[in-house]
């Protein structure tokens, strides 16, 4: 016989508690809604706190300006590798040596997009003396008209970033210039002295063993030209003007990016090449002694066939 006033067993008490938990007033529809809302708010606060902590670590590691490029860097094939190599120069040089560090830097710059290089913090066509301040615009995908190409000279707040970059602060003195459509690019690491400068065009070393001047120029979006050391026995040879990296009379290196071939033009005794420049006209190369001479028109010092050349031409 079961007396109605007997004490409940533990199992019966537990069953009653479960029933109350399901059907009781503490867990009505309004309470459940509030509970879900509170849980969501707590999750959102936790996510925001985690994001702030992540951003703080990111800023501490890379600097505030790099954070603005993270949307692009998340998609870039080599952007993060380039940043890592650039920011950790001291540690990596100690690990692999100066020679390998410089070679790898040139390799990465030769693979990087304009946006990757902008994220490094180099000066650009807009301002060579400071890092890009418009990542929200410059990190966007470039707008290219149907059947068209990226402009060969881009500067300012423009999707896809500028087409030229210069490093004014490090010992490498980096100079990167993209040609029309970004189909070709030159990478120059000047490194304080013409004899130490290294040049890559489309990832291939060019002008090894030559004394290279600072900078270079794309002509007709195919031919990269740069001044190099001239002949010692030229009658006008001597110290150049203040600020010049080479002596007064210089030679001209011409690299055909489409053929992957290089020629060097050396001035004759009658040619006063202080700032030689190439103009491409009707499939031929017109060589002027200075940029002023080219701008003035007239007869060039030489007209050369732009086809596969000898290694060095006099």
Foldseek 3Di string as FASTA:
>chain_A
DDDPPDDDDPVVVVVVVVVCVVPNPCDDPVNVVVVVVVVVVVVVVVVVVVVVVVVVVVCVQQNDLLVLLVVLVVVFPCLVVLLVLLSCVVVVCVVPNDVVSVLVNLQSVLVGFQSSVLSNWAAAPAGRPTGDPQSVQQSAAADAPVVGADAQADDDRGHRHGQWTFHPPDQQGWTKGAGIRSPKMKIWRCRPAQQPIWIDISNHTPDPRWRWWPDWDDEPSFKIKTWTEADPPQPPWDQPDPPTRYTQATKMWIAGNVVRAIEIGHDDSPQRQRPWDWHADPQKTFIASHPVDVVVDDHGPDIGHPDHDDRYDD
